Amino acid sequence: MRLSNLADYAVITMCQAATHCGDGRVSAAELASETGLPVPTVQRLVSRLTSAGLLRSVRGARGGLQLGRPAAAITVADIVEAVEGPIALASCVEEGTCDLEPHCLMKPHWPLINQKLRGALAEVNLNHLRASPANTPIPAKEHAV
């Protein structure tokens, strides 16, 4: 499985926006400049991320963008879903149709697989991504075997 470029860029954009948490607001153009991403791409991402409530746009002389909620409350799952829609490895679960459906043994298992994948991405928040990987390990969950 691989994230689309747009989802990857959304994570990069949100991480950069999180660096401005205490500094007030930032513009889409500034985010583009700081990340090296094209301005039109960042503008499109900002629109989707704002619609999802992950970013907040403030108008006026001191306007700009800021996180829609604390960095610790924004996860990679939230960001990916804002850009890509629900996290699912198999489209048959969301769309409901597949040529192989009458003989498929996997369809009943995909919801659990998708839930586990989303859960893994939901364990990583913007604070984890902003910190040095060596300094901030993501706590491992205990798994029953």
C-alpha atoms as a PDB file:
ATOM      1  CA  MET A   1       0.000   0.000   0.000  1.00  0.00           C
ATOM      2  CA  ARG A   2       1.217   3.460  -0.799  1.00  0.00           C
ATOM      3  CA  LEU A   3      -0.213   6.904  -0.047  1.00  0.00           C
ATOM      4  CA  SER A   4      -1.016   9.124  -2.993  1.00  0.00           C
ATOM      5  CA  ASN A   5       1.243  12.112  -3.546  1.00  0.00           C
ATOM      6  CA  LEU A   6      -1.598  14.392  -2.459  1.00  0.00           C
ATOM      7  CA  ALA A   7      -1.995  12.566   0.880  1.00  0.00           C
ATOM      8  CA  ASP A   8       1.766  12.676   1.401  1.00  0.00           C
ATOM      9  CA  TYR A   9       1.797  16.409   0.636  1.00  0.00           C
ATOM     10  CA  ALA A  10      -1.118  16.939   3.016  1.00  0.00           C
ATOM     11  CA  VAL A  11       0.860  15.364   5.861  1.00  0.00           C
ATOM     12  CA  ILE A  12       3.870  17.540   4.993  1.00  0.00           C
ATOM     13  CA  THR A  13       1.681  20.657   4.844  1.00  0.00           C
ATOM     14  CA  MET A  14       0.025  19.910   8.190  1.00  0.00           C
ATOM     15  CA  CYS A  15       3.395  19.247   9.852  1.00  0.00           C
ATOM     16  CA  GLN A  16       4.652  22.582   8.589  1.00  0.00           C
ATOM     17  CA  ALA A  17       1.467  24.353   9.715  1.00  0.00           C
ATOM     18  CA  ALA A  18       1.991  22.809  13.149  1.00  0.00           C
ATOM     19  CA  THR A  19       5.378  24.513  13.426  1.00  0.00           C
ATOM     20  CA  HIS A  20       3.492  27.837  13.478  1.00  0.00           C
ATOM     21  CA  CYS A  21       1.260  26.846  16.427  1.00  0.00           C
ATOM     22  CA  GLY A  22       2.579  29.487  18.800  1.00  0.00           C
ATOM     23  CA  ASP A  23       3.420  32.062  16.136  1.00  0.00           C
ATOM     24  CA  GLY A  24      -0.090  32.921  15.066  1.00  0.00           C
ATOM     25  CA  ARG A  25      -1.138  32.331  11.499  1.00  0.00           C
ATOM     26  CA  VAL A  26       0.524  31.362   8.244  1.00  0.00           C
ATOM     27  CA  SER A  27      -0.549  31.720   4.599  1.00  0.00           C
ATOM     28  CA  ALA A  28      -0.823  28.960   2.008  1.00  0.00           C
ATOM     29  CA  ALA A  29       1.944  30.715   0.050  1.00  0.00           C
ATOM     30  CA  GLU A  30       4.217  30.633   3.108  1.00  0.00           C
ATOM     31  CA  LEU A  31       3.477  26.931   3.641  1.00  0.00           C
ATOM     32  CA  ALA A  32       4.299  26.275  -0.017  1.00  0.00           C
ATOM     33  CA  SER A  33       7.561  28.185   0.268  1.00  0.00           C
ATOM     34  CA  GLU A  34       8.566  26.441   3.498  1.00  0.00           C
ATOM     35  CA  THR A  35       7.772  22.944   2.195  1.00  0.00           C
ATOM     36  CA  GLY A  36       8.902  23.374  -1.398  1.00  0.00           C
ATOM     37  CA  LEU A  37       5.482  22.291  -2.647  1.00  0.00           C
ATOM     38  CA  PRO A  38       3.770  24.140  -5.513  1.00  0.00           C
ATOM     39  CA  VAL A  39       1.446  26.944  -4.365  1.00  0.00           C
ATOM     40  CA  PRO A  40      -1.595  25.600  -6.311  1.00  0.00           C
ATOM     41  CA  THR A  41      -1.163  22.183  -4.671  1.00  0.00           C
ATOM     42  CA  VAL A  42      -0.955  23.696  -1.183  1.00  0.00           C
ATOM     43  CA  GLN A  43      -3.986  25.885  -1.901  1.00  0.00           C
ATOM     44  CA  ARG A  44      -5.985  22.810  -2.957  1.00  0.00           C
ATOM     45  CA  LEU A  45      -4.834  20.940   0.150  1.00  0.00           C
ATOM     46  CA  VAL A  46      -5.649  23.874   2.419  1.00  0.00           C
ATOM     47  CA  SER A  47      -9.174  23.894   1.028  1.00  0.00           C
ATOM     48  CA  ARG A  48      -9.671  20.187   1.802  1.00  0.00           C
ATOM     49  CA  LEU A  49      -7.960  20.371   5.188  1.00  0.00           C
ATOM     50  CA  THR A  50     -10.052  23.398   6.157  1.00  0.00           C
ATOM     51  CA  SER A  51     -13.262  21.639   5.076  1.00  0.00           C
ATOM     52  CA  ALA A  52     -12.275  18.724   7.321  1.00  0.00           C
ATOM     53  CA  GLY A  53     -11.681  21.074  10.270  1.00  0.00           C
ATOM     54  CA  LEU A  54      -7.964  20.327  10.465  1.00  0.00           C
ATOM     55  CA  LEU A  55      -7.046  23.877   9.497  1.00  0.00           C
ATOM     56  CA  ARG A  56      -8.903  27.067  10.273  1.00  0.00           C
ATOM     57  CA  SER A  57      -8.853  30.117   8.044  1.00  0.00           C
ATOM     58  CA  VAL A  58      -8.996  33.539   9.676  1.00  0.00           C
ATOM     59  CA  ARG A  59      -9.727  36.628   7.574  1.00  0.00           C
ATOM     60  CA  GLY A  60      -8.439  40.138   8.073  1.00  0.00           C
ATOM     61  CA  ALA A  61      -5.163  41.987   8.464  1.00  0.00           C
ATOM     62  CA  ARG A  62      -3.888  39.400  10.929  1.00  0.00           C
ATOM     63  CA  GLY A  63      -5.544  36.549   9.073  1.00  0.00           C
ATOM     64  CA  GLY A  64      -4.143  33.328   7.763  1.00  0.00           C
ATOM     65  CA  LEU A  65      -4.236  29.658   8.573  1.00  0.00           C
ATOM     66  CA  GLN A  66      -3.886  27.903  11.890  1.00  0.00           C
ATOM     67  CA  LEU A  67      -4.493  24.395  13.135  1.00  0.00           C
ATOM     68  CA  GLY A  68      -8.165  23.625  13.634  1.00  0.00           C
ATOM     69  CA  ARG A  69      -7.397  21.799  16.881  1.00  0.00           C
ATOM     70  CA  PRO A  70      -4.287  21.019  18.942  1.00  0.00           C
ATOM     71  CA  ALA A  71      -1.495  19.171  17.139  1.00  0.00           C
ATOM     72  CA  ALA A  72      -1.838  16.231  19.528  1.00  0.00           C
ATOM     73  CA  ALA A  73      -5.466  15.843  18.417  1.00  0.00           C
ATOM     74  CA  ILE A  74      -4.697  15.690  14.677  1.00  0.00           C
ATOM     75  CA  THR A  75      -3.625  12.271  13.444  1.00  0.00           C
ATOM     76  CA  VAL A  76      -2.205  10.953  10.207  1.00  0.00           C
ATOM     77  CA  ALA A  77      -5.514   9.109   9.763  1.00  0.00           C
ATOM     78  CA  ASP A  78      -7.406  12.419   9.987  1.00  0.00           C
ATOM     79  CA  ILE A  79      -5.148  14.018   7.378  1.00  0.00           C
ATOM     80  CA  VAL A  80      -5.278  11.096   4.946  1.00  0.00           C
ATOM     81  CA  GLU A  81      -9.067  10.880   5.226  1.00  0.00           C
ATOM     82  CA  ALA A  82      -9.422  14.620   4.617  1.00  0.00           C
ATOM     83  CA  VAL A  83      -7.671  14.200   1.270  1.00  0.00           C
ATOM     84  CA  GLU A  84      -8.455  10.633   0.208  1.00  0.00           C
ATOM     85  CA  GLY A  85     -11.713   9.803   1.951  1.00  0.00           C
ATOM     86  CA  PRO A  86     -12.188   6.753   4.170  1.00  0.00           C
ATOM     87  CA  ILE A  87      -9.131   4.581   4.668  1.00  0.00           C
ATOM     88  CA  ALA A  88      -9.765   1.285   2.921  1.00  0.00           C
ATOM     89  CA  LEU A  89      -7.454  -1.190   1.232  1.00  0.00           C
ATOM     90  CA  ALA A  90     -10.245  -2.746  -0.816  1.00  0.00           C
ATOM     91  CA  SER A  91     -12.801  -0.611  -2.624  1.00  0.00           C
ATOM     92  CA  CYS A  92     -15.505  -3.297  -2.489  1.00  0.00           C
ATOM     93  CA  VAL A  93     -16.189  -2.471   1.165  1.00  0.00           C
ATOM     94  CA  GLU A  94     -17.055   1.164   0.396  1.00  0.00           C
ATOM     95  CA  GLU A  95     -18.441   0.783  -3.111  1.00  0.00           C
ATOM     96  CA  GLY A  96     -20.115  -2.562  -2.487  1.00  0.00           C
ATOM     97  CA  THR A  97     -19.631  -4.113  -5.901  1.00  0.00           C
ATOM     98  CA  CYS A  98     -16.973  -6.335  -7.373  1.00  0.00           C
ATOM     99  CA  ASP A  99     -16.899  -8.831 -10.234  1.00  0.00           C
ATOM    100  CA  LEU A 100     -15.539 -11.464  -7.854  1.00  0.00           C
ATOM    101  CA  GLU A 101     -18.058 -10.813  -5.079  1.00  0.00           C
ATOM    102  CA  PRO A 102     -20.085 -14.023  -5.511  1.00  0.00           C
ATOM    103  CA  HIS A 103     -16.943 -16.091  -4.852  1.00  0.00           C
ATOM    104  CA  CYS A 104     -14.981 -13.740  -2.596  1.00  0.00           C
ATOM    105  CA  LEU A 105     -13.876 -15.103   0.749  1.00  0.00           C
ATOM    106  CA  MET A 106     -12.158 -11.864   1.778  1.00  0.00           C
ATOM    107  CA  LYS A 107     -15.025  -9.370   1.723  1.00  0.00           C
ATOM    108  CA  PRO A 108     -16.179 -10.181   5.270  1.00  0.00           C
ATOM    109  CA  HIS A 109     -12.619  -9.619   6.535  1.00  0.00           C
ATOM    110  CA  TRP A 110     -11.890  -6.256   4.898  1.00  0.00           C
ATOM    111  CA  PRO A 111     -13.731  -4.132   7.470  1.00  0.00           C
ATOM    112  CA  LEU A 112     -11.494  -5.481  10.259  1.00  0.00           C
ATOM    113  CA  ILE A 113      -8.358  -5.014   8.159  1.00  0.00           C
ATOM    114  CA  ASN A 114      -9.391  -1.450   7.286  1.00  0.00           C
ATOM    115  CA  GLN A 115     -10.184  -0.704  10.935  1.00  0.00           C
ATOM    116  CA  LYS A 116      -6.730  -1.926  12.025  1.00  0.00           C
ATOM    117  CA  LEU A 117      -5.010   0.125   9.327  1.00  0.00           C
ATOM    118  CA  ARG A 118      -6.915   3.263  10.299  1.00  0.00           C
ATOM    119  CA  GLY A 119      -6.159   2.562  13.961  1.00  0.00           C
ATOM    120  CA  ALA A 120      -2.434   2.366  13.252  1.00  0.00           C
ATOM    121  CA  LEU A 121      -2.490   5.709  11.417  1.00  0.00           C
ATOM    122  CA  ALA A 122      -4.602   7.233  14.189  1.00  0.00           C
ATOM    123  CA  GLU A 123      -1.865   6.443  16.736  1.00  0.00           C
ATOM    124  CA  VAL A 124       0.485   8.938  15.068  1.00  0.00           C
ATOM    125  CA  ASN A 125      -0.336  12.607  15.655  1.00  0.00           C
ATOM    126  CA  LEU A 126       1.292  15.854  14.536  1.00  0.00           C
ATOM    127  CA  ASN A 127       3.282  16.131  17.761  1.00  0.00           C
ATOM    128  CA  HIS A 128       4.888  12.767  16.988  1.00  0.00           C
ATOM    129  CA  LEU A 129       5.757  13.923  13.481  1.00  0.00           C
ATOM    130  CA  ARG A 130       7.182  17.261  14.632  1.00  0.00           C
ATOM    131  CA  ALA A 131       9.528  15.636  17.148  1.00  0.00           C
ATOM    132  CA  SER A 132      12.799  13.973  16.309  1.00  0.00           C
ATOM    133  CA  PRO A 133      12.093  10.248  15.770  1.00  0.00           C
ATOM    134  CA  ALA A 134      14.893   9.303  18.161  1.00  0.00           C
ATOM    135  CA  ASN A 135      13.505  11.536  20.924  1.00  0.00           C
ATOM    136  CA  THR A 136       9.808  10.714  20.691  1.00  0.00           C
ATOM    137  CA  PRO A 137       9.050   7.050  20.190  1.00  0.00           C
ATOM    138  CA  ILE A 138       5.418   6.286  19.503  1.00  0.00           C
ATOM    139  CA  PRO A 139       4.169   4.083  22.333  1.00  0.00           C
ATOM    140  CA  ALA A 140       3.530   0.521  21.250  1.00  0.00           C
ATOM    141  CA  LYS A 141       0.217  -0.996  22.177  1.00  0.00           C
ATOM    142  CA  GLU A 142       0.013  -4.348  23.849  1.00  0.00           C
ATOM    143  CA  HIS A 143      -1.424  -6.919  21.472  1.00  0.00           C
ATOM    144  CA  ALA A 144      -2.942 -10.169  22.608  1.00  0.00           C
ATOM    145  CA  VAL A 145      -1.576 -13.171  20.763  1.00  0.00           C
END
